[in-house]
Structure formats: structure tokens, C-alpha cells
Amino acid sequence: MKCPGCQTESDGRYCPSCGVPLKGATCRVCGAPLIEGASYCTQCGESVRQQRTSNLPWIIAGVSLAAVIFVLILPSLRGTSRPFATGGPASAAPFAANGSMGTPPPLTGTPREQADRLFDRIMRERESGNLERAAGFLPMAIAAYNQAGELDSDGLYHLSMLQSAAGDLPAARASAERILVAAPDNLLGLAAAADAAADAGDSATARKHWSRFLQVFDAESGKALQEYLDHGRILPEYRETARTFVGN
């Protein structure tokens, strides 16, 4: 199979080139299944790339042995029998309670539910200005949606937003266009397609989608679609963006 991170062919559980987990990989800390392409375990937050290093236990053992030897000989070097004092915890957890990375979404529910939780987490991080944290979850979120089976309009909108945030504009446009094939006037599909086209420098296509967005906004926004209810806050913002883009 191809690695979702670097496209290297591999038949193992980890990519031999970039180290991301592949199909069948599990977290060596908590045992949870790992999402293909993930950087962190979504259950316990442990770094995946650190886990795949097969020599890690020997490295830890060697460092520990060196530390013990150092502790034993240090008093003699100092000319005192006072034992070596340690200052405190050696390291902090990768997902500390102070929010350095936050608690990752729990690995429960269906693949689609897991993907939606990752999407929500990424959006919260971006809204808070934590772009680096959000970027850390992007590969596993995109992989989660790709593994979630047939996606509805809401799922395709999420995927398009994630692909756009990851800089994969062709994929973002393709996901948005899939929404419009089934529902040509879907507001989220039009907005996602317009945004991706504008980011790619295709102003003509962006203008076409934003113009259509404004034409159908009143009728569409009145529909009791679940995705409109879930993303009701952003629809007026999209309308203002559309008006600015087309000059209305």
C-alpha cells in the first residue's frame, strides 16, 4: 500500500520512509488502533513517530544505566557522600493538562464520528489561533474522513476544509465539487468550492460559485438541513464574503 504521508510503497505497519502508521498499526502505549497517517495516538496522545523507533527501549536503557553510574560516582567526584538530588519530573506528558497540545479526541464511536471529532478539534484550535496544534491533527483527520466510507454533504464539506487548510487545493476543490454534483445549490458546497478556487487563483470559478451562493441563499438557508444547523454561524459570514467578492 502507499503511505498517506509520503506515498512510499510499504507492506508494513509503519512507513519506512517517513514513519507514519499504516493499516493495522496500534499504539504501543495504550493499544488503541492508529489512524493511517497519524502523528499522534487519538486515544492517549503519544507521539507515533517516537513509538516506531525500534531501538528506543535500548536507548532508554542505555541512558538510564549511564544516569545510574553518574549518580553513583558523582559523590566521589565531589568529595562528599551526599546523594545526588533530582529536581523534579524528568519530562511533561505530550498532552499536558496546561493545554500545550490539549486532550486529543477519544478513539470511540464509528470512523465518521472519530473524523468529526478531529474536525471539531482542529476548528477550535484554529479559532483560538493555535495553528501549529491544528496542523498536527490535519493528516489524521483527513485520513479519518477518507476511511469513513461514503460521505454526505457535511462530511465532504469538512474534508474540503481540512484539505484546504493542509494546502491541497486540488483535493479541496474536488471534495467541494462532489457536494455540488448531488446538490448544486448547497451553500456549504458552494462556499467551499469558491474558497478553494479563489485560493488556487481561479477567480472566475470563485466568482461563479459566490454569485450562485448569493442567488440561492435565502431559499437554501431556510431549509432544515442538519449541516445548515450545525454550521449556522458561518453561513452569514460566507454571505458577506460572497458580497465582497462579487461586488454586491
C-alpha atoms as a PDB file:
ATOM      1  CA  MET A   1       0.000   0.000   0.000  1.00  0.00           C
ATOM      2  CA  LYS A   2       1.053   3.638  -0.404  1.00  0.00           C
ATOM      3  CA  CYS A   3       1.907   5.754   2.623  1.00  0.00           C
ATOM      4  CA  PRO A   4      -0.679   8.580   3.026  1.00  0.00           C
ATOM      5  CA  GLY A   5       2.117  10.869   4.150  1.00  0.00           C
ATOM      6  CA  CYS A   6       4.858  10.470   1.515  1.00  0.00           C
ATOM      7  CA  GLN A   7       3.350   7.963  -0.966  1.00  0.00           C
ATOM      8  CA  THR A   8       6.154   5.436  -0.402  1.00  0.00           C
ATOM      9  CA  GLU A   9       5.149   1.826  -1.093  1.00  0.00           C
ATOM     10  CA  SER A  10       5.186  -0.294   2.064  1.00  0.00           C
ATOM     11  CA  ASP A  11       3.707  -3.558   3.313  1.00  0.00           C
ATOM     12  CA  GLY A  12       4.477  -2.983   6.987  1.00  0.00           C
ATOM     13  CA  ARG A  13       2.600  -1.261   9.771  1.00  0.00           C
ATOM     14  CA  TYR A  14       4.763   1.858   9.603  1.00  0.00           C
ATOM     15  CA  CYS A  15       6.122   3.735   6.601  1.00  0.00           C
ATOM     16  CA  PRO A  16       9.862   3.007   6.325  1.00  0.00           C
ATOM     17  CA  SER A  17      10.415   6.460   4.830  1.00  0.00           C
ATOM     18  CA  CYS A  18       8.501   8.965   6.996  1.00  0.00           C
ATOM     19  CA  GLY A  19       7.450   6.788   9.937  1.00  0.00           C
ATOM     20  CA  VAL A  20       3.684   7.364   9.936  1.00  0.00           C
ATOM     21  CA  PRO A  21       1.445   4.415  10.883  1.00  0.00           C
ATOM     22  CA  LEU A  22      -0.178   2.340   8.170  1.00  0.00           C
ATOM     23  CA  LYS A  23      -3.062  -0.148   8.246  1.00  0.00           C
ATOM     24  CA  GLY A  24      -3.005  -2.373  11.321  1.00  0.00           C
ATOM     25  CA  ALA A  25      -0.686  -0.239  13.462  1.00  0.00           C
ATOM     26  CA  THR A  26      -1.573   0.104  17.138  1.00  0.00           C
ATOM     27  CA  CYS A  27      -0.348   2.441  19.857  1.00  0.00           C
ATOM     28  CA  ARG A  28       2.383   0.814  21.909  1.00  0.00           C
ATOM     29  CA  VAL A  29       1.369   2.829  24.955  1.00  0.00           C
ATOM     30  CA  CYS A  30      -2.404   2.256  25.194  1.00  0.00           C
ATOM     31  CA  GLY A  31      -3.018  -0.375  22.483  1.00  0.00           C
ATOM     32  CA  ALA A  32      -5.569   1.707  20.560  1.00  0.00           C
ATOM     33  CA  PRO A  33      -5.710   1.379  16.745  1.00  0.00           C
ATOM     34  CA  LEU A  34      -3.820   4.168  14.990  1.00  0.00           C
ATOM     35  CA  ILE A  35      -5.321   6.120  12.108  1.00  0.00           C
ATOM     36  CA  GLU A  36      -3.270   5.821   8.928  1.00  0.00           C
ATOM     37  CA  GLY A  37      -1.013   8.847   8.550  1.00  0.00           C
ATOM     38  CA  ALA A  38      -1.493   9.987  12.165  1.00  0.00           C
ATOM     39  CA  SER A  39       1.217  11.837  14.078  1.00  0.00           C
ATOM     40  CA  TYR A  40      -0.308  11.132  17.473  1.00  0.00           C
ATOM     41  CA  CYS A  41      -2.492   8.462  19.040  1.00  0.00           C
ATOM     42  CA  THR A  42      -6.009   9.904  19.274  1.00  0.00           C
ATOM     43  CA  GLN A  43      -6.625   7.917  22.455  1.00  0.00           C
ATOM     44  CA  CYS A  44      -3.630   8.758  24.696  1.00  0.00           C
ATOM     45  CA  GLY A  45      -1.807  11.438  22.697  1.00  0.00           C
ATOM     46  CA  GLU A  46       1.518   9.606  22.467  1.00  0.00           C
ATOM     47  CA  SER A  47       3.731  10.590  19.536  1.00  0.00           C
ATOM     48  CA  VAL A  48       3.575   7.895  16.859  1.00  0.00           C
ATOM     49  CA  ARG A  49       6.992   8.630  15.386  1.00  0.00           C
ATOM     50  CA  GLN A  50       8.622   8.150  18.761  1.00  0.00           C
ATOM     51  CA  GLN A  51       6.893   4.785  19.129  1.00  0.00           C
ATOM     52  CA  ARG A  52       8.120   3.326  15.838  1.00  0.00           C
ATOM     53  CA  THR A  53      11.813   3.624  16.702  1.00  0.00           C
ATOM     54  CA  SER A  54      12.690   0.011  17.338  1.00  0.00           C
ATOM     55  CA  ASN A  55      15.923   0.914  19.176  1.00  0.00           C
ATOM     56  CA  LEU A  56      14.118   3.178  21.607  1.00  0.00           C
ATOM     57  CA  PRO A  57      13.984   0.674  24.509  1.00  0.00           C
ATOM     58  CA  TRP A  58      17.736   0.097  24.196  1.00  0.00           C
ATOM     59  CA  ILE A  59      18.405   3.808  24.041  1.00  0.00           C
ATOM     60  CA  ILE A  60      16.320   4.361  27.164  1.00  0.00           C
ATOM     61  CA  ALA A  61      18.086   1.518  28.935  1.00  0.00           C
ATOM     62  CA  GLY A  62      21.485   2.888  27.988  1.00  0.00           C
ATOM     63  CA  VAL A  63      20.611   6.393  29.145  1.00  0.00           C
ATOM     64  CA  SER A  64      19.192   5.008  32.396  1.00  0.00           C
ATOM     65  CA  LEU A  65      22.351   2.963  33.018  1.00  0.00           C
ATOM     66  CA  ALA A  66      24.543   5.975  32.352  1.00  0.00           C
ATOM     67  CA  ALA A  67      22.402   8.024  34.735  1.00  0.00           C
ATOM     68  CA  VAL A  68      22.768   5.390  37.481  1.00  0.00           C
ATOM     69  CA  ILE A  69      26.539   5.265  37.042  1.00  0.00           C
ATOM     70  CA  PHE A  70      26.698   9.030  37.103  1.00  0.00           C
ATOM     71  CA  VAL A  71      24.656   9.142  40.331  1.00  0.00           C
ATOM     72  CA  LEU A  72      26.943   6.582  41.968  1.00  0.00           C
ATOM     73  CA  ILE A  73      30.231   8.217  41.056  1.00  0.00           C
ATOM     74  CA  LEU A  74      29.211  11.855  41.412  1.00  0.00           C
ATOM     75  CA  PRO A  75      29.576  11.958  45.229  1.00  0.00           C
ATOM     76  CA  SER A  76      33.152  10.649  44.986  1.00  0.00           C
ATOM     77  CA  LEU A  77      33.942  13.216  42.323  1.00  0.00           C
ATOM     78  CA  ARG A  78      32.566  15.944  44.560  1.00  0.00           C
ATOM     79  CA  GLY A  79      34.297  14.539  47.643  1.00  0.00           C
ATOM     80  CA  THR A  80      31.026  14.072  49.538  1.00  0.00           C
ATOM     81  CA  SER A  81      28.684  11.225  50.303  1.00  0.00           C
ATOM     82  CA  ARG A  82      25.534  13.337  49.828  1.00  0.00           C
ATOM     83  CA  PRO A  83      23.344  11.591  47.277  1.00  0.00           C
ATOM     84  CA  PHE A  84      22.615  13.328  44.015  1.00  0.00           C
ATOM     85  CA  ALA A  85      19.318  15.277  44.313  1.00  0.00           C
ATOM     86  CA  THR A  86      16.858  15.337  41.465  1.00  0.00           C
ATOM     87  CA  GLY A  87      14.896  18.450  40.772  1.00  0.00           C
ATOM     88  CA  GLY A  88      11.540  17.062  39.698  1.00  0.00           C
ATOM     89  CA  PRO A  89       9.763  15.234  36.913  1.00  0.00           C
ATOM     90  CA  ALA A  90      12.040  14.482  34.028  1.00  0.00           C
ATOM     91  CA  SER A  91       9.543  15.447  31.361  1.00  0.00           C
ATOM     92  CA  ALA A  92       5.997  16.529  30.840  1.00  0.00           C
ATOM     93  CA  ALA A  93       3.341  14.444  29.169  1.00  0.00           C
ATOM     94  CA  PRO A  94       2.995  15.200  25.455  1.00  0.00           C
ATOM     95  CA  PHE A  95      -0.598  16.282  26.017  1.00  0.00           C
ATOM     96  CA  ALA A  96      -0.252  18.113  29.297  1.00  0.00           C
ATOM     97  CA  ALA A  97      -3.176  19.487  31.256  1.00  0.00           C
ATOM     98  CA  ASN A  98      -1.943  23.018  30.682  1.00  0.00           C
ATOM     99  CA  GLY A  99      -3.130  22.765  27.091  1.00  0.00           C
ATOM    100  CA  SER A 100       0.230  22.512  25.381  1.00  0.00           C
ATOM    101  CA  MET A 101      -1.479  20.190  22.939  1.00  0.00           C
ATOM    102  CA  GLY A 102      -4.735  19.547  24.733  1.00  0.00           C
ATOM    103  CA  THR A 103      -6.507  16.255  25.231  1.00  0.00           C
ATOM    104  CA  PRO A 104      -6.907  14.511  21.877  1.00  0.00           C
ATOM    105  CA  PRO A 105     -10.383  13.339  20.861  1.00  0.00           C
ATOM    106  CA  PRO A 106     -11.125   9.880  22.292  1.00  0.00           C
ATOM    107  CA  LEU A 107     -10.939   6.961  19.877  1.00  0.00           C
ATOM    108  CA  THR A 108     -14.540   5.827  20.241  1.00  0.00           C
ATOM    109  CA  GLY A 109     -17.582   5.533  18.002  1.00  0.00           C
ATOM    110  CA  THR A 110     -17.714   4.993  14.268  1.00  0.00           C
ATOM    111  CA  PRO A 111     -14.922   6.105  11.912  1.00  0.00           C
ATOM    112  CA  ARG A 112     -17.131   9.038  10.853  1.00  0.00           C
ATOM    113  CA  GLU A 113     -17.696  10.082  14.477  1.00  0.00           C
ATOM    114  CA  GLN A 114     -13.954   9.934  15.095  1.00  0.00           C
ATOM    115  CA  ALA A 115     -13.350  12.055  11.986  1.00  0.00           C
ATOM    116  CA  ASP A 116     -15.939  14.645  13.051  1.00  0.00           C
ATOM    117  CA  ARG A 117     -14.363  14.938  16.500  1.00  0.00           C
ATOM    118  CA  LEU A 118     -10.985  15.565  14.916  1.00  0.00           C
ATOM    119  CA  PHE A 119     -12.533  18.193  12.623  1.00  0.00           C
ATOM    120  CA  ASP A 120     -14.143  19.956  15.579  1.00  0.00           C
ATOM    121  CA  ARG A 121     -10.853  19.894  17.463  1.00  0.00           C
ATOM    122  CA  ILE A 122      -8.955  21.382  14.536  1.00  0.00           C
ATOM    123  CA  MET A 123     -11.517  24.140  14.043  1.00  0.00           C
ATOM    124  CA  ARG A 124     -11.366  25.064  17.740  1.00  0.00           C
ATOM    125  CA  GLU A 125      -7.583  25.227  17.640  1.00  0.00           C
ATOM    126  CA  ARG A 126      -7.639  27.414  14.519  1.00  0.00           C
ATOM    127  CA  GLU A 127     -10.227  29.747  16.006  1.00  0.00           C
ATOM    128  CA  SER A 128      -8.016  30.085  19.084  1.00  0.00           C
ATOM    129  CA  GLY A 129      -5.032  30.964  16.905  1.00  0.00           C
ATOM    130  CA  ASN A 130      -3.254  27.682  17.673  1.00  0.00           C
ATOM    131  CA  LEU A 131      -2.391  26.960  14.056  1.00  0.00           C
ATOM    132  CA  GLU A 132       0.544  24.701  14.859  1.00  0.00           C
ATOM    133  CA  ARG A 133      -1.589  22.492  17.087  1.00  0.00           C
ATOM    134  CA  ALA A 134      -4.325  22.378  14.461  1.00  0.00           C
ATOM    135  CA  ALA A 135      -1.819  21.406  11.770  1.00  0.00           C
ATOM    136  CA  GLY A 136      -0.643  18.488  13.887  1.00  0.00           C
ATOM    137  CA  PHE A 137      -4.073  16.884  13.651  1.00  0.00           C
ATOM    138  CA  LEU A 138      -4.673  17.562   9.934  1.00  0.00           C
ATOM    139  CA  PRO A 139      -3.123  14.374   8.458  1.00  0.00           C
ATOM    140  CA  MET A 140      -5.005  12.044  10.799  1.00  0.00           C
ATOM    141  CA  ALA A 141      -8.290  13.960  10.309  1.00  0.00           C
ATOM    142  CA  ILE A 142      -8.037  13.776   6.514  1.00  0.00           C
ATOM    143  CA  ALA A 143      -7.142  10.079   6.728  1.00  0.00           C
ATOM    144  CA  ALA A 144     -10.098   9.507   9.071  1.00  0.00           C
ATOM    145  CA  TYR A 145     -12.565  11.005   6.582  1.00  0.00           C
ATOM    146  CA  ASN A 146     -11.015   9.037   3.720  1.00  0.00           C
ATOM    147  CA  GLN A 147     -11.546   5.853   5.749  1.00  0.00           C
ATOM    148  CA  ALA A 148     -15.089   6.725   6.865  1.00  0.00           C
ATOM    149  CA  GLY A 149     -16.776   5.371   3.753  1.00  0.00           C
ATOM    150  CA  GLU A 150     -19.279   7.268   1.612  1.00  0.00           C
ATOM    151  CA  LEU A 151     -19.513  10.850   2.875  1.00  0.00           C
ATOM    152  CA  ASP A 152     -22.608  13.037   2.901  1.00  0.00           C
ATOM    153  CA  SER A 153     -22.544  16.765   2.101  1.00  0.00           C
ATOM    154  CA  ASP A 154     -21.490  17.674   5.617  1.00  0.00           C
ATOM    155  CA  GLY A 155     -18.638  15.163   5.622  1.00  0.00           C
ATOM    156  CA  LEU A 156     -17.419  16.337   2.219  1.00  0.00           C
ATOM    157  CA  TYR A 157     -17.534  19.936   3.433  1.00  0.00           C
ATOM    158  CA  HIS A 158     -15.413  19.009   6.457  1.00  0.00           C
ATOM    159  CA  LEU A 159     -12.967  17.132   4.245  1.00  0.00           C
ATOM    160  CA  SER A 160     -12.711  20.039   1.799  1.00  0.00           C
ATOM    161  CA  MET A 161     -11.980  22.474   4.635  1.00  0.00           C
ATOM    162  CA  LEU A 162      -9.274  20.197   6.025  1.00  0.00           C
ATOM    163  CA  GLN A 163      -7.681  19.654   2.617  1.00  0.00           C
ATOM    164  CA  SER A 164      -7.673  23.398   2.022  1.00  0.00           C
ATOM    165  CA  ALA A 165      -6.048  24.004   5.409  1.00  0.00           C
ATOM    166  CA  ALA A 166      -3.419  21.402   4.507  1.00  0.00           C
ATOM    167  CA  GLY A 167      -2.680  23.237   1.244  1.00  0.00           C
ATOM    168  CA  ASP A 168      -4.066  20.506  -1.022  1.00  0.00           C
ATOM    169  CA  LEU A 169      -6.280  22.820  -3.093  1.00  0.00           C
ATOM    170  CA  PRO A 170      -7.000  20.365  -5.951  1.00  0.00           C
ATOM    171  CA  ALA A 171      -8.325  17.839  -3.436  1.00  0.00           C
ATOM    172  CA  ALA A 172     -10.289  20.560  -1.616  1.00  0.00           C
ATOM    173  CA  ARG A 173     -11.942  21.633  -4.863  1.00  0.00           C
ATOM    174  CA  ALA A 174     -12.704  18.041  -5.812  1.00  0.00           C
ATOM    175  CA  SER A 175     -14.391  17.350  -2.463  1.00  0.00           C
ATOM    176  CA  ALA A 176     -16.472  20.523  -2.719  1.00  0.00           C
ATOM    177  CA  GLU A 177     -17.494  19.738  -6.291  1.00  0.00           C
ATOM    178  CA  ARG A 178     -18.703  16.311  -5.149  1.00  0.00           C
ATOM    179  CA  ILE A 179     -21.217  18.115  -2.928  1.00  0.00           C
ATOM    180  CA  LEU A 180     -22.453  20.188  -5.867  1.00  0.00           C
ATOM    181  CA  VAL A 181     -22.909  17.150  -8.091  1.00  0.00           C
ATOM    182  CA  ALA A 182     -25.616  15.873  -5.754  1.00  0.00           C
ATOM    183  CA  ALA A 183     -26.876  19.277  -4.542  1.00  0.00           C
ATOM    184  CA  PRO A 184     -25.916  22.141  -6.908  1.00  0.00           C
ATOM    185  CA  ASP A 185     -27.279  24.820  -4.547  1.00  0.00           C
ATOM    186  CA  ASN A 186     -25.821  23.515  -1.297  1.00  0.00           C
ATOM    187  CA  LEU A 187     -24.466  26.598   0.468  1.00  0.00           C
ATOM    188  CA  LEU A 188     -21.572  24.820   2.140  1.00  0.00           C
ATOM    189  CA  GLY A 189     -20.570  23.170  -1.126  1.00  0.00           C
ATOM    190  CA  LEU A 190     -20.695  26.485  -2.992  1.00  0.00           C
ATOM    191  CA  ALA A 191     -18.691  28.250  -0.284  1.00  0.00           C
ATOM    192  CA  ALA A 192     -16.058  25.519  -0.081  1.00  0.00           C
ATOM    193  CA  ALA A 193     -15.719  25.379  -3.879  1.00  0.00           C
ATOM    194  CA  ALA A 194     -15.480  29.180  -4.117  1.00  0.00           C
ATOM    195  CA  ASP A 195     -12.867  29.388  -1.363  1.00  0.00           C
ATOM    196  CA  ALA A 196     -10.723  26.639  -2.870  1.00  0.00           C
ATOM    197  CA  ALA A 197     -10.960  28.169  -6.344  1.00  0.00           C
ATOM    198  CA  ALA A 198     -10.025  31.628  -5.038  1.00  0.00           C
ATOM    199  CA  ASP A 199      -7.067  30.223  -3.096  1.00  0.00           C
ATOM    200  CA  ALA A 200      -5.915  28.488  -6.281  1.00  0.00           C
ATOM    201  CA  GLY A 201      -6.093  31.768  -8.202  1.00  0.00           C
ATOM    202  CA  ASP A 202      -9.144  30.795 -10.252  1.00  0.00           C
ATOM    203  CA  SER A 203     -11.140  33.982  -9.724  1.00  0.00           C
ATOM    204  CA  ALA A 204     -13.644  33.244 -12.493  1.00  0.00           C
ATOM    205  CA  THR A 205     -14.757  29.976 -10.910  1.00  0.00           C
ATOM    206  CA  ALA A 206     -14.780  31.529  -7.454  1.00  0.00           C
ATOM    207  CA  ARG A 207     -16.992  34.372  -8.703  1.00  0.00           C
ATOM    208  CA  LYS A 208     -19.360  31.884 -10.334  1.00  0.00           C
ATOM    209  CA  HIS A 209     -19.793  29.937  -7.103  1.00  0.00           C
ATOM    210  CA  TRP A 210     -20.125  33.034  -4.899  1.00  0.00           C
ATOM    211  CA  SER A 211     -22.687  34.530  -7.289  1.00  0.00           C
ATOM    212  CA  ARG A 212     -24.729  31.365  -7.144  1.00  0.00           C
ATOM    213  CA  PHE A 213     -24.377  31.348  -3.363  1.00  0.00           C
ATOM    214  CA  LEU A 214     -25.995  34.790  -3.147  1.00  0.00           C
ATOM    215  CA  GLN A 215     -28.756  33.852  -5.592  1.00  0.00           C
ATOM    216  CA  VAL A 216     -29.916  30.838  -3.577  1.00  0.00           C
ATOM    217  CA  PHE A 217     -29.001  31.959  -0.067  1.00  0.00           C
ATOM    218  CA  ASP A 218     -32.475  32.961   1.138  1.00  0.00           C
ATOM    219  CA  ALA A 219     -34.174  29.839  -0.170  1.00  0.00           C
ATOM    220  CA  GLU A 220     -31.408  27.442   0.873  1.00  0.00           C
ATOM    221  CA  SER A 221     -30.724  28.843   4.336  1.00  0.00           C
ATOM    222  CA  GLY A 222     -34.397  28.316   5.214  1.00  0.00           C
ATOM    223  CA  LYS A 223     -34.102  24.563   4.702  1.00  0.00           C
ATOM    224  CA  ALA A 224     -33.881  22.439   7.835  1.00  0.00           C
ATOM    225  CA  LEU A 225     -30.749  20.628   6.710  1.00  0.00           C
ATOM    226  CA  GLN A 226     -28.610  19.295   9.540  1.00  0.00           C
ATOM    227  CA  GLU A 227     -25.429  20.725   8.041  1.00  0.00           C
ATOM    228  CA  TYR A 228     -27.018  24.184   7.930  1.00  0.00           C
ATOM    229  CA  LEU A 229     -27.990  23.855  11.582  1.00  0.00           C
ATOM    230  CA  ASP A 230     -24.518  22.633  12.543  1.00  0.00           C
ATOM    231  CA  HIS A 231     -22.773  25.424  10.621  1.00  0.00           C
ATOM    232  CA  GLY A 232     -25.394  28.131  11.006  1.00  0.00           C
ATOM    233  CA  ARG A 233     -22.909  30.580  12.482  1.00  0.00           C
ATOM    234  CA  ILE A 234     -20.655  30.603   9.442  1.00  0.00           C
ATOM    235  CA  LEU A 235     -23.331  30.971   6.751  1.00  0.00           C
ATOM    236  CA  PRO A 236     -23.802  34.754   7.294  1.00  0.00           C
ATOM    237  CA  GLU A 237     -20.013  35.131   7.235  1.00  0.00           C
ATOM    238  CA  TYR A 238     -19.897  33.316   3.918  1.00  0.00           C
ATOM    239  CA  ARG A 239     -22.613  35.646   2.597  1.00  0.00           C
ATOM    240  CA  GLU A 240     -20.510  38.691   3.469  1.00  0.00           C
ATOM    241  CA  THR A 241     -17.501  37.113   1.781  1.00  0.00           C
ATOM    242  CA  ALA A 242     -19.594  36.420  -1.312  1.00  0.00           C
ATOM    243  CA  ARG A 243     -20.891  40.007  -1.431  1.00  0.00           C
ATOM    244  CA  THR A 244     -17.387  41.400  -1.130  1.00  0.00           C
ATOM    245  CA  PHE A 245     -16.027  39.062  -3.807  1.00  0.00           C
ATOM    246  CA  VAL A 246     -18.690  39.767  -6.433  1.00  0.00           C
ATOM    247  CA  GLY A 247     -19.049  43.447  -5.530  1.00  0.00           C
ATOM    248  CA  ASN A 248     -22.657  43.365  -4.272  1.00  0.00           C
END
